[in-house]
Amino acid sequence: MIRLKGLKKSFPVGKNSFKVLKGIDLEVKTGEMLAIMGRSGAGKSTLLNILAGLDQPDSGEYWYGQDQISGKTLDELAGFRREKIGFILQNYPLIDSKNVFNNVALPLQYSNHKKNEIDKKVNEILSSLNISHLVNRQPDTLSGGEAQRVAIARALIQEPEVILADEPTGSLDEETEHDILNLFKDLNQKGNTIILATHSSQVSSVCNNICRIQDGIMYGI
């Protein structure tokens, strides 16, 4: 489903450049649940940003099925991201001025879906994640676990083929982390391909494959 070959990425630091990814090779199969482990600064977030089409590699190849993603225009990347990818971040960046319903509905509104279709899809996804009772709540009234479930609902609303999650339980307590990890396992069993970036062995233990990234180089475990 996903194939990376020789992926490299650097960022400018003053007059020099810092090499974050130093030739990443990776294959992810359809239906896989993969943990990418590494310390802070190892390159996990940079790699996920490239997988999501939010950034481009300096060199190397990124294939999604038969489609080469590396080299696409910004508009093409936006379309790819909208159609294929659901992205979940550690700090679940919900929009404070919008209630739960409108936060989850946002991707559909950007895609010009009809109101009755948006209502149906949002209510269905909230129900599937057991958070229908939060529909009219504002983000600042939610617990960490509730906010993360809302962020997951927003990532899933367009039925993406791949879910990318960057330290998705890093700011949650142990009990809430357990609940969120069980949710990821359920989503994977329903057919979603999931890639989790994490430094936690607890998070990686729920995955069926694990890789480690260290100093910009990928290692299998």
C-alpha atoms as a PDB file:
ATOM      1  CA  MET A   1       0.000   0.000   0.000  1.00  0.00           C
ATOM      2  CA  ILE A   2       2.786   2.417   1.002  1.00  0.00           C
ATOM      3  CA  ARG A   3       6.376   2.139  -0.173  1.00  0.00           C
ATOM      4  CA  LEU A   4       9.220   4.516   0.668  1.00  0.00           C
ATOM      5  CA  LYS A   5      12.597   4.229  -0.994  1.00  0.00           C
ATOM      6  CA  GLY A   6      15.653   6.287  -0.022  1.00  0.00           C
ATOM      7  CA  LEU A   7      13.577   9.083   1.510  1.00  0.00           C
ATOM      8  CA  LYS A   8      15.676  12.040   2.698  1.00  0.00           C
ATOM      9  CA  LYS A   9      14.683  15.302   4.359  1.00  0.00           C
ATOM     10  CA  SER A  10      16.740  18.196   5.741  1.00  0.00           C
ATOM     11  CA  PHE A  11      15.847  21.508   7.350  1.00  0.00           C
ATOM     12  CA  PRO A  12      17.938  24.712   7.344  1.00  0.00           C
ATOM     13  CA  VAL A  13      19.668  25.620  10.602  1.00  0.00           C
ATOM     14  CA  GLY A  14      21.364  28.977  10.185  1.00  0.00           C
ATOM     15  CA  LYS A  15      23.765  28.628   7.249  1.00  0.00           C
ATOM     16  CA  ASN A  16      23.786  24.854   7.547  1.00  0.00           C
ATOM     17  CA  SER A  17      21.179  22.110   7.192  1.00  0.00           C
ATOM     18  CA  PHE A  18      20.078  19.462   9.640  1.00  0.00           C
ATOM     19  CA  LYS A  19      19.497  16.023   8.124  1.00  0.00           C
ATOM     20  CA  VAL A  20      16.336  14.628   9.729  1.00  0.00           C
ATOM     21  CA  LEU A  21      15.683  11.642   7.450  1.00  0.00           C
ATOM     22  CA  LYS A  22      18.726   9.931   5.956  1.00  0.00           C
ATOM     23  CA  GLY A  23      17.383   7.475   3.407  1.00  0.00           C
ATOM     24  CA  ILE A  24      14.220   5.861   4.795  1.00  0.00           C
ATOM     25  CA  ASP A  25      13.069   2.569   3.275  1.00  0.00           C
ATOM     26  CA  LEU A  26       9.672   1.320   4.435  1.00  0.00           C
ATOM     27  CA  GLU A  27       6.775  -0.819   3.250  1.00  0.00           C
ATOM     28  CA  VAL A  28       3.322  -0.785   4.846  1.00  0.00           C
ATOM     29  CA  LYS A  29       0.744  -3.362   3.812  1.00  0.00           C
ATOM     30  CA  THR A  30      -2.988  -2.776   3.571  1.00  0.00           C
ATOM     31  CA  GLY A  31      -4.636  -3.497   6.914  1.00  0.00           C
ATOM     32  CA  GLU A  32      -1.386  -3.282   8.859  1.00  0.00           C
ATOM     33  CA  MET A  33      -1.060  -1.564  12.221  1.00  0.00           C
ATOM     34  CA  LEU A  34       2.494  -0.250  12.392  1.00  0.00           C
ATOM     35  CA  ALA A  35       4.322   1.486  15.217  1.00  0.00           C
ATOM     36  CA  ILE A  36       7.220   3.776  14.318  1.00  0.00           C
ATOM     37  CA  MET A  37       9.229   4.131  17.515  1.00  0.00           C
ATOM     38  CA  GLY A  38      11.875   6.673  18.360  1.00  0.00           C
ATOM     39  CA  ARG A  39      12.884   9.385  20.772  1.00  0.00           C
ATOM     40  CA  SER A  40      11.803  12.990  20.430  1.00  0.00           C
ATOM     41  CA  GLY A  41      13.672  14.536  17.502  1.00  0.00           C
ATOM     42  CA  ALA A  42      14.360  11.201  15.809  1.00  0.00           C
ATOM     43  CA  GLY A  43      12.320  12.161  12.730  1.00  0.00           C
ATOM     44  CA  LYS A  44       8.977  10.475  13.470  1.00  0.00           C
ATOM     45  CA  SER A  45       6.839  13.585  12.988  1.00  0.00           C
ATOM     46  CA  THR A  46       8.727  14.592   9.844  1.00  0.00           C
ATOM     47  CA  LEU A  47       8.104  11.151   8.379  1.00  0.00           C
ATOM     48  CA  LEU A  48       4.389  11.267   9.211  1.00  0.00           C
ATOM     49  CA  ASN A  49       4.092  14.743   7.692  1.00  0.00           C
ATOM     50  CA  ILE A  50       5.543  13.376   4.455  1.00  0.00           C
ATOM     51  CA  LEU A  51       3.221  10.349   4.557  1.00  0.00           C
ATOM     52  CA  ALA A  52       0.285  12.744   5.007  1.00  0.00           C
ATOM     53  CA  GLY A  53       1.339  14.935   2.088  1.00  0.00           C
ATOM     54  CA  LEU A  54       1.939  17.898   4.389  1.00  0.00           C
ATOM     55  CA  ASP A  55       5.610  18.017   3.411  1.00  0.00           C
ATOM     56  CA  GLN A  56       7.764  16.787   0.566  1.00  0.00           C
ATOM     57  CA  PRO A  57      11.038  14.846   0.796  1.00  0.00           C
ATOM     58  CA  ASP A  58      14.225  16.359  -0.586  1.00  0.00           C
ATOM     59  CA  SER A  59      14.863  13.129  -2.481  1.00  0.00           C
ATOM     60  CA  GLY A  60      13.710   9.531  -2.638  1.00  0.00           C
ATOM     61  CA  GLU A  61      10.382   8.002  -3.611  1.00  0.00           C
ATOM     62  CA  TYR A  62       7.011   7.780  -1.878  1.00  0.00           C
ATOM     63  CA  TRP A  63       4.546   5.441  -3.546  1.00  0.00           C
ATOM     64  CA  TYR A  64       0.930   5.011  -2.468  1.00  0.00           C
ATOM     65  CA  GLY A  65      -0.221   1.963  -4.371  1.00  0.00           C
ATOM     66  CA  GLN A  66       0.670   2.745  -7.987  1.00  0.00           C
ATOM     67  CA  ASP A  67       0.643   6.488  -7.402  1.00  0.00           C
ATOM     68  CA  GLN A  68       3.933   8.322  -6.793  1.00  0.00           C
ATOM     69  CA  ILE A  69       3.269  10.995  -4.157  1.00  0.00           C
ATOM     70  CA  SER A  70       6.744  12.530  -4.080  1.00  0.00           C
ATOM     71  CA  GLY A  71       6.852  15.300  -6.663  1.00  0.00           C
ATOM     72  CA  LYS A  72       3.151  16.165  -6.610  1.00  0.00           C
ATOM     73  CA  THR A  73       1.998  19.789  -6.567  1.00  0.00           C
ATOM     74  CA  LEU A  74       0.507  21.357  -3.423  1.00  0.00           C
ATOM     75  CA  ASP A  75      -3.002  21.076  -4.879  1.00  0.00           C
ATOM     76  CA  GLU A  76      -2.437  17.426  -5.761  1.00  0.00           C
ATOM     77  CA  LEU A  77      -1.119  16.731  -2.256  1.00  0.00           C
ATOM     78  CA  ALA A  78      -4.176  18.408  -0.730  1.00  0.00           C
ATOM     79  CA  GLY A  79      -6.447  16.175  -2.810  1.00  0.00           C
ATOM     80  CA  PHE A  80      -4.470  13.078  -1.846  1.00  0.00           C
ATOM     81  CA  ARG A  81      -4.653  13.999   1.825  1.00  0.00           C
ATOM     82  CA  ARG A  82      -8.389  14.705   1.646  1.00  0.00           C
ATOM     83  CA  GLU A  83      -9.190  11.414  -0.107  1.00  0.00           C
ATOM     84  CA  LYS A  84      -6.790   8.958   1.530  1.00  0.00           C
ATOM     85  CA  ILE A  85      -5.424  10.164   4.883  1.00  0.00           C
ATOM     86  CA  GLY A  86      -6.761  10.738   8.378  1.00  0.00           C
ATOM     87  CA  PHE A  87      -4.241  12.509  10.651  1.00  0.00           C
ATOM     88  CA  ILE A  88      -4.418  12.490  14.460  1.00  0.00           C
ATOM     89  CA  LEU A  89      -2.074  14.628  16.545  1.00  0.00           C
ATOM     90  CA  GLN A  90      -1.034  14.414  20.194  1.00  0.00           C
ATOM     91  CA  ASN A  91      -2.571  17.742  21.177  1.00  0.00           C
ATOM     92  CA  TYR A  92      -5.862  17.096  19.303  1.00  0.00           C
ATOM     93  CA  PRO A  93      -6.067  20.658  17.862  1.00  0.00           C
ATOM     94  CA  LEU A  94      -9.801  21.255  17.966  1.00  0.00           C
ATOM     95  CA  ILE A  95     -11.236  24.666  17.096  1.00  0.00           C
ATOM     96  CA  ASP A  96     -12.337  26.325  20.335  1.00  0.00           C
ATOM     97  CA  SER A  97     -15.006  28.467  18.689  1.00  0.00           C
ATOM     98  CA  LYS A  98     -16.804  25.417  17.247  1.00  0.00           C
ATOM     99  CA  ASN A  99     -18.720  22.766  19.168  1.00  0.00           C
ATOM    100  CA  VAL A 100     -18.002  19.047  18.810  1.00  0.00           C
ATOM    101  CA  PHE A 101     -20.444  18.596  15.933  1.00  0.00           C
ATOM    102  CA  ASN A 102     -18.888  21.379  13.852  1.00  0.00           C
ATOM    103  CA  ASN A 103     -15.318  20.302  14.646  1.00  0.00           C
ATOM    104  CA  VAL A 104     -16.058  16.818  13.330  1.00  0.00           C
ATOM    105  CA  ALA A 105     -18.061  18.135  10.364  1.00  0.00           C
ATOM    106  CA  LEU A 106     -15.314  20.501   9.208  1.00  0.00           C
ATOM    107  CA  PRO A 107     -13.678  18.193   6.587  1.00  0.00           C
ATOM    108  CA  LEU A 108     -17.078  17.495   5.026  1.00  0.00           C
ATOM    109  CA  GLN A 109     -17.930  21.194   4.948  1.00  0.00           C
ATOM    110  CA  TYR A 110     -14.664  21.910   3.124  1.00  0.00           C
ATOM    111  CA  SER A 111     -15.600  19.201   0.629  1.00  0.00           C
ATOM    112  CA  ASN A 112     -18.996  20.827  -0.025  1.00  0.00           C
ATOM    113  CA  HIS A 113     -21.131  17.936   1.199  1.00  0.00           C
ATOM    114  CA  LYS A 114     -24.869  18.578   1.563  1.00  0.00           C
ATOM    115  CA  LYS A 115     -26.160  19.426   5.037  1.00  0.00           C
ATOM    116  CA  ASN A 116     -28.301  16.307   5.448  1.00  0.00           C
ATOM    117  CA  GLU A 117     -25.347  14.105   4.459  1.00  0.00           C
ATOM    118  CA  ILE A 118     -23.069  15.925   6.926  1.00  0.00           C
ATOM    119  CA  ASP A 119     -25.631  15.512   9.724  1.00  0.00           C
ATOM    120  CA  LYS A 120     -25.929  11.789   9.012  1.00  0.00           C
ATOM    121  CA  LYS A 121     -22.193  11.112   8.811  1.00  0.00           C
ATOM    122  CA  VAL A 122     -21.306  13.136  11.913  1.00  0.00           C
ATOM    123  CA  ASN A 123     -23.989  11.494  14.037  1.00  0.00           C
ATOM    124  CA  GLU A 124     -22.909   8.046  12.833  1.00  0.00           C
ATOM    125  CA  ILE A 125     -19.222   8.570  13.622  1.00  0.00           C
ATOM    126  CA  LEU A 126     -19.965  10.098  17.032  1.00  0.00           C
ATOM    127  CA  SER A 127     -22.171   7.140  17.856  1.00  0.00           C
ATOM    128  CA  SER A 128     -19.543   4.616  16.735  1.00  0.00           C
ATOM    129  CA  LEU A 129     -17.012   6.242  19.091  1.00  0.00           C
ATOM    130  CA  ASN A 130     -19.537   6.459  21.964  1.00  0.00           C
ATOM    131  CA  ILE A 131     -19.400  10.248  22.156  1.00  0.00           C
ATOM    132  CA  SER A 132     -22.850  11.220  20.849  1.00  0.00           C
ATOM    133  CA  HIS A 133     -23.565  12.851  24.198  1.00  0.00           C
ATOM    134  CA  LEU A 134     -20.778  15.385  23.511  1.00  0.00           C
ATOM    135  CA  VAL A 135     -22.285  16.684  20.268  1.00  0.00           C
ATOM    136  CA  ASN A 136     -23.067  20.209  21.537  1.00  0.00           C
ATOM    137  CA  ARG A 137     -20.113  20.597  23.896  1.00  0.00           C
ATOM    138  CA  GLN A 138     -17.290  23.094  23.376  1.00  0.00           C
ATOM    139  CA  PRO A 139     -13.702  21.779  23.243  1.00  0.00           C
ATOM    140  CA  ASP A 140     -12.634  23.557  26.437  1.00  0.00           C
ATOM    141  CA  THR A 141     -15.217  21.561  28.410  1.00  0.00           C
ATOM    142  CA  LEU A 142     -13.873  18.149  27.306  1.00  0.00           C
ATOM    143  CA  SER A 143     -11.489  15.854  29.139  1.00  0.00           C
ATOM    144  CA  GLY A 144      -8.292  14.775  27.377  1.00  0.00           C
ATOM    145  CA  GLY A 145      -9.783  11.424  26.392  1.00  0.00           C
ATOM    146  CA  GLU A 146     -12.997  13.020  25.127  1.00  0.00           C
ATOM    147  CA  ALA A 147     -11.075  15.570  23.071  1.00  0.00           C
ATOM    148  CA  GLN A 148      -8.896  12.849  21.551  1.00  0.00           C
ATOM    149  CA  ARG A 149     -11.983  10.833  20.567  1.00  0.00           C
ATOM    150  CA  VAL A 150     -13.425  13.935  18.902  1.00  0.00           C
ATOM    151  CA  ALA A 151     -10.135  14.420  17.027  1.00  0.00           C
ATOM    152  CA  ILE A 152     -10.274  10.772  15.940  1.00  0.00           C
ATOM    153  CA  ALA A 153     -13.866  11.249  14.766  1.00  0.00           C
ATOM    154  CA  ARG A 154     -12.787  14.230  12.663  1.00  0.00           C
ATOM    155  CA  ALA A 155      -9.922  12.201  11.164  1.00  0.00           C
ATOM    156  CA  LEU A 156     -12.292   9.339  10.282  1.00  0.00           C
ATOM    157  CA  ILE A 157     -15.253  11.344   8.954  1.00  0.00           C
ATOM    158  CA  GLN A 158     -14.139  11.080   5.314  1.00  0.00           C
ATOM    159  CA  GLU A 159     -13.438   7.343   5.675  1.00  0.00           C
ATOM    160  CA  PRO A 160      -9.690   7.496   4.985  1.00  0.00           C
ATOM    161  CA  GLU A 161      -7.773   4.439   3.873  1.00  0.00           C
ATOM    162  CA  VAL A 162      -4.849   5.242   6.185  1.00  0.00           C
ATOM    163  CA  ILE A 163      -4.876   6.683   9.703  1.00  0.00           C
ATOM    164  CA  LEU A 164      -1.675   8.435  10.818  1.00  0.00           C
ATOM    165  CA  ALA A 165      -1.329   9.180  14.523  1.00  0.00           C
ATOM    166  CA  ASP A 166       1.543  11.208  15.992  1.00  0.00           C
ATOM    167  CA  GLU A 167       2.012  10.382  19.712  1.00  0.00           C
ATOM    168  CA  PRO A 168      -1.790  10.013  20.004  1.00  0.00           C
ATOM    169  CA  THR A 169      -1.770   9.157  23.720  1.00  0.00           C
ATOM    170  CA  GLY A 170       1.241  11.199  24.840  1.00  0.00           C
ATOM    171  CA  SER A 171      -0.779  13.634  26.948  1.00  0.00           C
ATOM    172  CA  LEU A 172      -3.328  11.164  28.321  1.00  0.00           C
ATOM    173  CA  ASP A 173      -3.473   9.343  31.641  1.00  0.00           C
ATOM    174  CA  GLU A 174      -2.939   5.571  31.734  1.00  0.00           C
ATOM    175  CA  GLU A 175      -6.614   4.602  31.828  1.00  0.00           C
ATOM    176  CA  THR A 176      -7.562   6.919  28.969  1.00  0.00           C
ATOM    177  CA  GLU A 177      -4.538   5.745  26.968  1.00  0.00           C
ATOM    178  CA  HIS A 178      -5.784   2.164  27.362  1.00  0.00           C
ATOM    179  CA  ASP A 179      -9.224   3.163  26.028  1.00  0.00           C
ATOM    180  CA  ILE A 180      -7.768   5.003  23.026  1.00  0.00           C
ATOM    181  CA  LEU A 181      -5.449   2.102  22.160  1.00  0.00           C
ATOM    182  CA  ASN A 182      -8.401  -0.291  22.266  1.00  0.00           C
ATOM    183  CA  LEU A 183     -10.194   2.076  19.918  1.00  0.00           C
ATOM    184  CA  PHE A 184      -7.262   1.945  17.479  1.00  0.00           C
ATOM    185  CA  LYS A 185      -7.273  -1.863  17.660  1.00  0.00           C
ATOM    186  CA  ASP A 186     -10.999  -1.909  16.858  1.00  0.00           C
ATOM    187  CA  LEU A 187     -10.478   0.428  13.893  1.00  0.00           C
ATOM    188  CA  ASN A 188      -7.664  -1.774  12.601  1.00  0.00           C
ATOM    189  CA  GLN A 189      -9.804  -4.892  12.902  1.00  0.00           C
ATOM    190  CA  LYS A 190     -12.436  -3.122  10.805  1.00  0.00           C
ATOM    191  CA  GLY A 191      -9.887  -2.715   8.016  1.00  0.00           C
ATOM    192  CA  ASN A 192      -8.157   0.630   8.605  1.00  0.00           C
ATOM    193  CA  THR A 193      -4.423   0.757   7.970  1.00  0.00           C
ATOM    194  CA  ILE A 194      -2.888   2.562  10.946  1.00  0.00           C
ATOM    195  CA  ILE A 195       0.589   4.043  11.452  1.00  0.00           C
ATOM    196  CA  LEU A 196       1.407   5.249  14.967  1.00  0.00           C
ATOM    197  CA  ALA A 197       4.474   7.348  15.752  1.00  0.00           C
ATOM    198  CA  THR A 198       5.406   6.841  19.394  1.00  0.00           C
ATOM    199  CA  HIS A 199       8.190   6.565  21.940  1.00  0.00           C
ATOM    200  CA  SER A 200       6.028   4.339  24.166  1.00  0.00           C
ATOM    201  CA  SER A 201       6.417   0.557  24.329  1.00  0.00           C
ATOM    202  CA  GLN A 202       2.869   0.445  25.730  1.00  0.00           C
ATOM    203  CA  VAL A 203       1.538   1.993  22.520  1.00  0.00           C
ATOM    204  CA  SER A 204       3.704  -0.139  20.231  1.00  0.00           C
ATOM    205  CA  SER A 205       2.569  -3.337  22.003  1.00  0.00           C
ATOM    206  CA  VAL A 206      -0.880  -3.109  20.365  1.00  0.00           C
ATOM    207  CA  CYS A 207       0.611  -3.018  16.854  1.00  0.00           C
ATOM    208  CA  ASN A 208       1.321  -6.029  14.629  1.00  0.00           C
ATOM    209  CA  ASN A 209       4.554  -4.573  13.272  1.00  0.00           C
ATOM    210  CA  ILE A 210       7.188  -2.258  14.749  1.00  0.00           C
ATOM    211  CA  CYS A 211      10.009  -0.204  13.231  1.00  0.00           C
ATOM    212  CA  ARG A 212      12.450   2.068  15.007  1.00  0.00           C
ATOM    213  CA  ILE A 213      13.808   5.354  13.710  1.00  0.00           C
ATOM    214  CA  GLN A 214      17.062   6.618  15.174  1.00  0.00           C
ATOM    215  CA  ASP A 215      19.199   9.498  13.905  1.00  0.00           C
ATOM    216  CA  GLY A 216      17.097   9.617  10.742  1.00  0.00           C
ATOM    217  CA  ILE A 217      17.623   5.939   9.873  1.00  0.00           C
ATOM    218  CA  MET A 218      14.916   3.253   9.981  1.00  0.00           C
ATOM    219  CA  TYR A 219      15.531  -0.104  11.644  1.00  0.00           C
ATOM    220  CA  GLY A 220      13.239  -3.114  11.784  1.00  0.00           C
ATOM    221  CA  ILE A 221      12.545  -4.767  15.150  1.00  0.00           C
END
